[in-house]
Amino acid sequence: MLLPSLAKKIVIEVRKLLDEDIIIVDTSGIIISSTDNSRLGNFHEGALLSIMERKNVIITKEMEITLKGVKAGINLPVFFQQKVVCVIGITGDPEKVSQYGELLKKMTELFVQESYYAEQIEWTSRALEAFVFDWLQDKTWTSEFYNRASILGINLNVDRQLILGSFDNLPTMTERELWNQLKQRQHTDKNNIYIRWGNNRFLFLLTPQKKHALLDYLKHLKTQMETNFSVNIYFGVGKAVKPNNVRESFNQADRALTVAQKTNSTIFEEDLKIEMLLQEVSEKTKREFVQRTIGKLTSEKDLIETLYAYIQENQSIKNTAELLHIHINTLHYRLKRIEELTNLNPKDFQSLVTLHLSLLLLEE
């Protein structure tokens, strides 16, 4: 049976092509959509005849008197999978509107097919997301779990490498198109899984490959998506794991993605060093550490900028001054001022490590 929402959509689209009154009738003979709202919910005997006989029924002026709820025109049964799912009716002079009949019938059948397959794809996507969610919970693999995997075509016998991606906010239509392009890549390897993962995020469960090959693939994908959709794409990559240990790879990918979003890049968790430790520090501790160390610098933009440059240039006075376009004496003054405000000397190795950690936490 055709849903009223789809019937309404069909009427709206058909009306763009044909300036005639149109109705759509369900398999019980009730009008569920019409260009004439006064006919909604009415019984249409002519459409019921069309359903029962599985053929077009022309309604003449004379038949308006003998059949209930009809107007002159033509009624055409709409088929899907060899079953009548509804009837589309065109009101008007039968000789005039009949020429549009088969075209409208085929057009409506295409709408029904498109809606059905879109619903199937959406159902599969949701079922896949729900399955992966349960997979990540490290639950015992029951017979029901194996059955779900089989229905969804998921191979539970291959190793997996999880990649968590994200992108900036996009209009709904653009996001849908981006997601469709990502989904198309699933067909390149039947074992790979591509799913949405919350707002503006997606998750890949791939069969493991060499790091350089995976990096090349993600760089190409990032460039392509960013060019096509004018959006920033970020990837965090976990390590390859056994299929019953995907949660570990997911946590690694999540940790790497946090860094990737800050650097607008693709980050492999195995390459994280200091960032790996910082991810485990509580927000409260991060705030307290920043306040104890560089709290007085946070309102001094020039000093923060100087400290960043000094660390970036490996404590080179000459290179730092050139990078900041300032005189060397000005740089010495700023470094001295940093020491006065923090009690940490940037020229002392241990103090500089503390200052560096503080800047990393400040970024967070």
Protein backbone atom coordinates (compact mmCIF):
# COMPACT_ATOMS: atom_id res chain seq x y z
CA MET A 1 0.00 0.00 0.00
CA LEU A 2 1.20 3.48 -0.87
CA LEU A 3 1.80 5.91 2.00
CA PRO A 4 -0.10 9.23 1.85
CA SER A 5 3.18 11.16 2.18
CA LEU A 6 4.55 9.55 -0.99
CA ALA A 7 1.22 9.98 -2.75
CA LYS A 8 1.31 13.70 -1.98
CA LYS A 9 4.85 13.96 -3.33
CA ILE A 10 3.82 12.20 -6.54
CA VAL A 11 0.87 14.54 -7.07
CA ILE A 12 3.08 17.59 -6.55
CA GLU A 13 5.67 16.37 -9.05
CA VAL A 14 3.10 15.28 -11.65
CA ARG A 15 1.27 18.60 -11.40
CA LYS A 16 4.46 20.35 -12.51
CA LEU A 17 4.11 18.60 -15.87
CA LEU A 18 0.35 18.47 -16.32
CA ASP A 19 -2.21 21.19 -15.63
CA GLU A 20 -5.07 18.83 -14.82
CA ASP A 21 -6.70 17.66 -11.59
CA ILE A 22 -5.05 14.49 -10.33
CA ILE A 23 -5.95 11.98 -7.63
CA ILE A 24 -4.18 9.00 -6.10
CA VAL A 25 -6.34 6.25 -4.64
CA ASP A 26 -5.19 3.49 -2.29
CA THR A 27 -6.04 -0.18 -2.74
CA SER A 28 -9.21 0.15 -0.67
CA GLY A 29 -10.61 2.79 -3.04
CA ILE A 30 -9.98 5.84 -0.80
CA ILE A 31 -8.50 9.02 -2.26
CA ILE A 32 -5.28 9.70 -0.31
CA SER A 33 -3.91 12.60 -2.35
CA SER A 34 -5.47 15.06 -4.76
CA THR A 35 -4.98 18.47 -6.33
CA ASP A 36 -8.51 19.11 -5.06
CA ASN A 37 -8.35 18.87 -1.26
CA SER A 38 -12.14 18.52 -1.00
CA ARG A 39 -11.86 15.00 -2.46
CA LEU A 40 -9.40 13.68 0.14
CA GLY A 41 -10.79 10.69 2.06
CA ASN A 42 -13.64 10.12 -0.42
CA PHE A 43 -14.43 6.70 -1.84
CA HIS A 44 -13.73 6.30 -5.58
CA GLU A 45 -15.59 3.41 -7.18
CA GLY A 46 -13.89 3.81 -10.56
CA ALA A 47 -10.45 3.37 -9.02
CA LEU A 48 -11.64 0.27 -7.17
CA LEU A 49 -12.76 -1.22 -10.52
CA SER A 50 -9.34 -0.43 -11.96
CA ILE A 51 -7.69 -2.24 -9.05
CA MET A 52 -9.92 -5.28 -9.30
CA GLU A 53 -9.59 -5.58 -13.09
CA ARG A 54 -5.89 -4.58 -13.10
CA LYS A 55 -6.40 -2.31 -16.11
CA ASN A 56 -7.14 1.26 -17.11
CA VAL A 57 -10.70 2.45 -16.60
CA ILE A 58 -12.06 5.40 -18.55
CA ILE A 59 -14.76 7.36 -16.73
CA THR A 60 -17.30 9.05 -19.00
CA LYS A 61 -19.78 11.80 -18.10
CA GLU A 62 -22.53 9.17 -18.05
CA MET A 63 -20.60 7.04 -15.52
CA GLU A 64 -20.46 9.95 -13.10
CA ILE A 65 -24.10 9.23 -12.37
CA THR A 66 -23.79 5.46 -11.81
CA LEU A 67 -20.40 5.21 -10.00
CA LYS A 68 -19.75 6.67 -6.59
CA GLY A 69 -17.23 9.47 -6.10
CA VAL A 70 -16.04 9.62 -9.71
CA LYS A 71 -15.44 12.38 -12.24
CA ALA A 72 -14.90 12.06 -15.98
CA GLY A 73 -11.32 11.13 -16.80
CA ILE A 74 -9.10 8.07 -16.67
CA ASN A 75 -7.95 5.79 -13.84
CA LEU A 76 -4.72 3.83 -14.21
CA PRO A 77 -3.50 1.06 -11.88
CA VAL A 78 0.09 1.53 -10.67
CA PHE A 79 2.11 -1.68 -10.33
CA PHE A 80 5.08 -2.53 -8.16
CA GLN A 81 6.51 -6.06 -8.07
CA GLN A 82 3.49 -7.19 -10.13
CA LYS A 83 1.01 -5.92 -7.53
CA VAL A 84 -1.34 -2.96 -7.79
CA VAL A 85 -0.23 -0.49 -5.09
CA CYS A 86 -2.48 2.42 -6.01
CA VAL A 87 -4.44 4.07 -8.80
CA ILE A 88 -3.64 7.41 -10.34
CA GLY A 89 -6.56 9.29 -11.82
CA ILE A 90 -6.64 12.26 -14.20
CA THR A 91 -9.81 14.32 -14.23
CA GLY A 92 -10.99 15.85 -17.51
CA ASP A 93 -12.17 15.01 -21.00
CA PRO A 94 -11.23 11.31 -21.43
CA GLU A 95 -10.11 11.85 -25.04
CA LYS A 96 -7.83 14.69 -23.98
CA VAL A 97 -6.30 13.24 -20.80
CA SER A 98 -5.92 9.64 -22.02
CA GLN A 99 -2.88 10.62 -24.08
CA TYR A 100 -1.06 11.45 -20.85
CA GLY A 101 -2.20 8.29 -19.08
CA GLU A 102 0.60 5.81 -19.78
CA LEU A 103 3.29 8.45 -19.31
CA LEU A 104 1.92 9.37 -15.89
CA LYS A 105 1.50 5.74 -14.95
CA LYS A 106 5.14 4.95 -15.77
CA MET A 107 6.28 8.08 -13.99
CA THR A 108 4.34 7.14 -10.86
CA GLU A 109 5.71 3.58 -10.93
CA LEU A 110 9.23 5.02 -11.07
CA PHE A 111 8.45 7.21 -8.03
CA VAL A 112 7.20 4.14 -6.14
CA GLN A 113 10.30 2.10 -7.05
CA GLU A 114 12.65 4.91 -6.11
CA SER A 115 10.92 5.37 -2.76
CA TYR A 116 11.00 1.63 -2.04
CA TYR A 117 14.70 1.24 -2.79
CA ALA A 118 15.56 4.42 -0.87
CA GLU A 119 13.74 2.98 2.15
CA GLN A 120 15.60 -0.31 1.74
CA ILE A 121 18.94 1.48 1.61
CA GLU A 122 18.01 3.56 4.67
CA TRP A 123 16.90 0.44 6.55
CA THR A 124 20.14 -1.35 5.67
CA SER A 125 22.20 1.66 6.76
CA ARG A 126 20.43 1.87 10.12
CA ALA A 127 20.70 -1.88 10.67
CA LEU A 128 24.41 -1.71 9.85
CA GLU A 129 24.96 1.20 12.24
CA ALA A 130 23.13 -0.63 15.02
CA PHE A 131 25.16 -3.79 14.40
CA VAL A 132 28.50 -1.97 14.48
CA PHE A 133 27.43 -0.17 17.66
CA ASP A 134 26.83 -3.55 19.34
CA TRP A 135 30.05 -4.90 17.83
CA LEU A 136 32.01 -2.11 19.52
CA GLN A 137 30.56 -2.91 22.93
CA ASP A 138 32.75 -6.02 23.28
CA LYS A 139 29.69 -8.14 23.99
CA THR A 140 29.74 -11.91 23.73
CA TRP A 141 29.06 -13.03 20.19
CA THR A 142 25.78 -14.90 20.38
CA SER A 143 24.09 -16.92 17.64
CA GLU A 144 21.77 -13.95 17.10
CA PHE A 145 24.81 -11.69 16.59
CA TYR A 146 26.22 -14.08 13.97
CA ASN A 147 22.82 -14.20 12.23
CA ARG A 148 22.66 -10.39 12.03
CA ALA A 149 26.17 -10.33 10.56
CA SER A 150 25.18 -12.91 7.97
CA ILE A 151 22.04 -11.00 6.94
CA LEU A 152 24.06 -7.80 6.55
CA GLY A 153 26.83 -9.57 4.66
CA ILE A 154 29.52 -8.84 7.27
CA ASN A 155 32.56 -11.10 7.47
CA LEU A 156 33.49 -11.61 11.13
CA ASN A 157 36.62 -13.59 10.29
CA VAL A 158 38.85 -10.83 8.90
CA ASP A 159 41.04 -8.35 10.80
CA ARG A 160 39.83 -4.75 10.89
CA GLN A 161 41.38 -1.30 10.96
CA LEU A 162 39.03 1.46 12.09
CA ILE A 163 39.10 4.99 10.72
CA LEU A 164 36.99 7.72 12.26
CA GLY A 165 36.34 10.77 10.12
CA SER A 166 34.57 14.06 10.54
CA PHE A 167 33.70 17.12 8.49
CA ASP A 168 32.48 20.65 9.06
CA ASN A 169 28.79 21.46 9.13
CA LEU A 170 27.05 21.18 5.76
CA PRO A 171 23.52 21.81 4.45
CA THR A 172 21.44 18.63 4.64
CA MET A 173 21.33 18.06 0.88
CA THR A 174 25.09 18.55 0.50
CA GLU A 175 25.79 16.23 3.43
CA ARG A 176 23.61 13.55 1.84
CA GLU A 177 25.52 13.81 -1.44
CA LEU A 178 28.87 13.65 0.38
CA TRP A 179 27.71 10.57 2.24
CA ASN A 180 26.52 8.92 -1.00
CA GLN A 181 29.97 9.37 -2.51
CA LEU A 182 31.59 7.83 0.56
CA LYS A 183 29.18 4.89 0.48
CA GLN A 184 30.04 4.15 -3.15
CA ARG A 185 33.55 3.25 -2.05
CA GLN A 186 32.19 0.31 -0.05
CA HIS A 187 31.79 -1.61 -3.28
CA THR A 188 35.55 -1.63 -3.95
CA ASP A 189 36.02 -4.30 -1.26
CA LYS A 190 33.04 -6.31 -0.08
CA ASN A 191 34.59 -6.67 3.39
CA ASN A 192 34.89 -2.93 3.97
CA ILE A 193 32.16 -1.17 5.95
CA TYR A 194 31.32 2.54 5.68
CA ILE A 195 28.72 3.98 8.07
CA ARG A 196 27.57 7.27 9.57
CA TRP A 197 28.61 7.81 13.15
CA GLY A 198 26.66 10.63 14.74
CA ASN A 199 26.54 14.22 13.53
CA ASN A 200 29.15 15.15 10.92
CA ARG A 201 31.08 11.93 11.54
CA PHE A 202 31.59 8.64 9.74
CA LEU A 203 33.31 5.36 10.51
CA PHE A 204 35.23 3.00 8.23
CA LEU A 205 35.95 -0.61 9.21
CA LEU A 206 38.50 -1.63 6.61
CA THR A 207 40.55 -4.71 5.96
CA PRO A 208 44.12 -3.81 7.00
CA GLN A 209 46.59 -2.53 4.42
CA LYS A 210 50.10 -1.09 4.47
CA LYS A 211 50.32 2.30 6.13
CA HIS A 212 51.63 4.18 3.09
CA ALA A 213 48.86 2.77 0.88
CA LEU A 214 46.17 3.68 3.41
CA LEU A 215 47.64 7.15 3.87
CA ASP A 216 47.65 7.71 0.09
CA TYR A 217 44.03 6.55 -0.11
CA LEU A 218 42.90 8.87 2.70
CA LYS A 219 44.85 11.84 1.32
CA HIS A 220 43.23 11.33 -2.07
CA LEU A 221 39.79 10.98 -0.48
CA LYS A 222 40.32 14.07 1.66
CA THR A 223 41.41 16.16 -1.33
CA GLN A 224 38.54 14.93 -3.47
CA MET A 225 35.85 15.50 -0.85
CA GLU A 226 37.19 18.91 0.17
CA THR A 227 37.30 20.01 -3.48
CA ASN A 228 33.83 18.70 -4.31
CA PHE A 229 32.07 20.03 -1.24
CA SER A 230 34.22 22.95 0.01
CA VAL A 231 34.50 21.33 3.42
CA ASN A 232 37.33 20.28 5.75
CA ILE A 233 37.70 16.51 6.21
CA TYR A 234 39.65 14.96 9.09
CA PHE A 235 40.71 11.34 9.65
CA GLY A 236 41.87 9.52 12.76
CA VAL A 237 43.28 6.03 12.14
CA GLY A 238 43.46 3.18 14.64
CA LYS A 239 45.66 0.09 14.42
CA ALA A 240 44.70 -3.19 12.77
CA VAL A 241 43.09 -5.60 15.25
CA LYS A 242 41.38 -8.95 15.40
CA PRO A 243 37.63 -8.78 14.63
CA ASN A 244 36.70 -9.38 18.27
CA ASN A 245 38.82 -6.43 19.41
CA VAL A 246 37.50 -3.59 17.24
CA ARG A 247 36.78 -1.45 20.29
CA GLU A 248 40.52 -0.94 20.83
CA SER A 249 41.00 0.28 17.25
CA PHE A 250 37.95 2.55 17.58
CA ASN A 251 39.33 4.20 20.73
CA GLN A 252 42.64 4.75 18.98
CA ALA A 253 40.94 6.28 15.95
CA ASP A 254 38.88 8.55 18.20
CA ARG A 255 42.01 9.76 19.99
CA ALA A 256 43.78 10.39 16.68
CA LEU A 257 40.78 12.24 15.24
CA THR A 258 40.91 14.77 18.09
CA VAL A 259 44.43 15.70 17.02
CA ALA A 260 43.55 15.57 13.31
CA GLN A 261 40.79 18.14 13.80
CA LYS A 262 43.27 20.57 15.34
CA THR A 263 45.82 20.13 12.58
CA ASN A 264 43.45 19.70 9.61
CA SER A 265 45.17 16.47 8.66
CA THR A 266 45.11 12.68 8.77
CA ILE A 267 46.58 11.25 11.97
CA PHE A 268 47.55 7.65 12.72
CA GLU A 269 47.21 6.87 16.42
CA GLU A 270 50.54 5.04 16.36
CA ASP A 271 52.24 8.35 15.53
CA LEU A 272 50.87 10.13 18.61
CA LYS A 273 53.39 10.85 21.36
CA ILE A 274 52.77 13.69 23.80
CA GLU A 275 49.23 13.99 22.40
CA MET A 276 48.56 10.41 23.48
CA LEU A 277 49.22 11.32 27.10
CA LEU A 278 47.32 14.59 26.96
CA GLN A 279 44.18 12.82 25.77
CA GLU A 280 44.07 10.92 29.05
CA VAL A 281 44.28 14.03 31.24
CA SER A 282 40.99 15.22 32.73
CA GLU A 283 39.58 18.59 31.68
CA LYS A 284 39.83 19.86 35.24
CA THR A 285 43.52 18.98 35.47
CA LYS A 286 44.19 20.58 32.09
CA ARG A 287 42.60 23.86 33.18
CA GLU A 288 44.46 23.90 36.50
CA PHE A 289 47.81 23.14 34.85
CA VAL A 290 47.39 25.95 32.30
CA GLN A 291 46.37 28.37 35.04
CA ARG A 292 49.39 27.48 37.22
CA THR A 293 51.90 27.82 34.39
CA ILE A 294 50.92 30.29 31.67
CA GLY A 295 47.70 31.65 33.14
CA LYS A 296 49.12 35.20 33.20
CA LEU A 297 50.20 34.91 29.56
CA THR A 298 46.79 34.07 28.13
CA SER A 299 45.89 37.75 27.81
CA GLU A 300 49.29 38.61 26.28
CA LYS A 301 48.89 37.69 22.61
CA ASP A 302 52.43 38.77 21.62
CA LEU A 303 54.02 36.67 24.36
CA ILE A 304 52.00 33.55 23.49
CA GLU A 305 52.88 34.01 19.82
CA THR A 306 56.55 34.44 20.75
CA LEU A 307 56.57 31.27 22.84
CA TYR A 308 55.02 29.26 19.99
CA ALA A 309 57.60 30.55 17.53
CA TYR A 310 60.51 29.97 19.94
CA ILE A 311 59.53 26.31 20.36
CA GLN A 312 58.87 25.88 16.65
CA GLU A 313 62.33 27.21 15.79
CA ASN A 314 64.05 24.93 18.34
CA GLN A 315 65.10 27.82 20.62
CA SER A 316 66.99 29.58 17.84
CA ILE A 317 67.02 33.31 18.71
CA LYS A 318 67.93 34.35 15.16
CA ASN A 319 65.27 32.19 13.43
CA THR A 320 62.57 33.10 15.94
CA ALA A 321 63.20 36.84 15.50
CA GLU A 322 63.08 36.45 11.72
CA LEU A 323 59.87 34.43 11.89
CA LEU A 324 58.20 37.06 14.07
CA HIS A 325 59.72 39.98 12.09
CA ILE A 326 61.09 41.58 15.26
CA HIS A 327 64.50 42.74 16.45
CA ILE A 328 66.58 40.28 18.48
CA ASN A 329 66.54 42.68 21.43
CA THR A 330 62.73 42.69 21.31
CA LEU A 331 62.74 38.88 21.38
CA HIS A 332 65.07 38.85 24.43
CA TYR A 333 62.76 41.30 26.17
CA ARG A 334 59.71 39.12 25.46
CA LEU A 335 61.44 35.97 26.71
CA LYS A 336 62.44 37.79 29.88
CA ARG A 337 58.85 38.99 30.30
CA ILE A 338 57.58 35.39 29.91
CA GLU A 339 59.92 34.31 32.69
CA GLU A 340 58.73 37.13 34.96
CA LEU A 341 55.05 36.24 34.49
CA THR A 342 55.41 32.44 34.74
CA ASN A 343 58.54 31.87 36.85
CA LEU A 344 59.60 29.56 34.02
CA ASN A 345 62.68 30.40 31.97
CA PRO A 346 62.13 29.56 28.25
CA LYS A 347 65.92 29.13 27.86
CA ASP A 348 65.93 26.37 30.50
CA PHE A 349 65.13 22.94 29.08
CA GLN A 350 62.90 21.70 31.93
CA SER A 351 61.02 24.99 32.08
CA LEU A 352 60.55 24.96 28.31
CA VAL A 353 59.06 21.44 28.45
CA THR A 354 56.55 22.70 30.99
CA LEU A 355 55.74 25.73 28.84
CA HIS A 356 55.34 23.50 25.77
CA LEU A 357 52.91 21.21 27.59
CA SER A 358 50.99 24.24 28.78
CA LEU A 359 50.60 25.51 25.20
CA LEU A 360 49.37 22.11 24.03
CA LEU A 361 46.80 22.04 26.81
CA LEU A 362 45.83 25.62 26.06
CA GLU A 363 45.01 24.58 22.49
CA GLU A 364 42.60 22.03 23.87
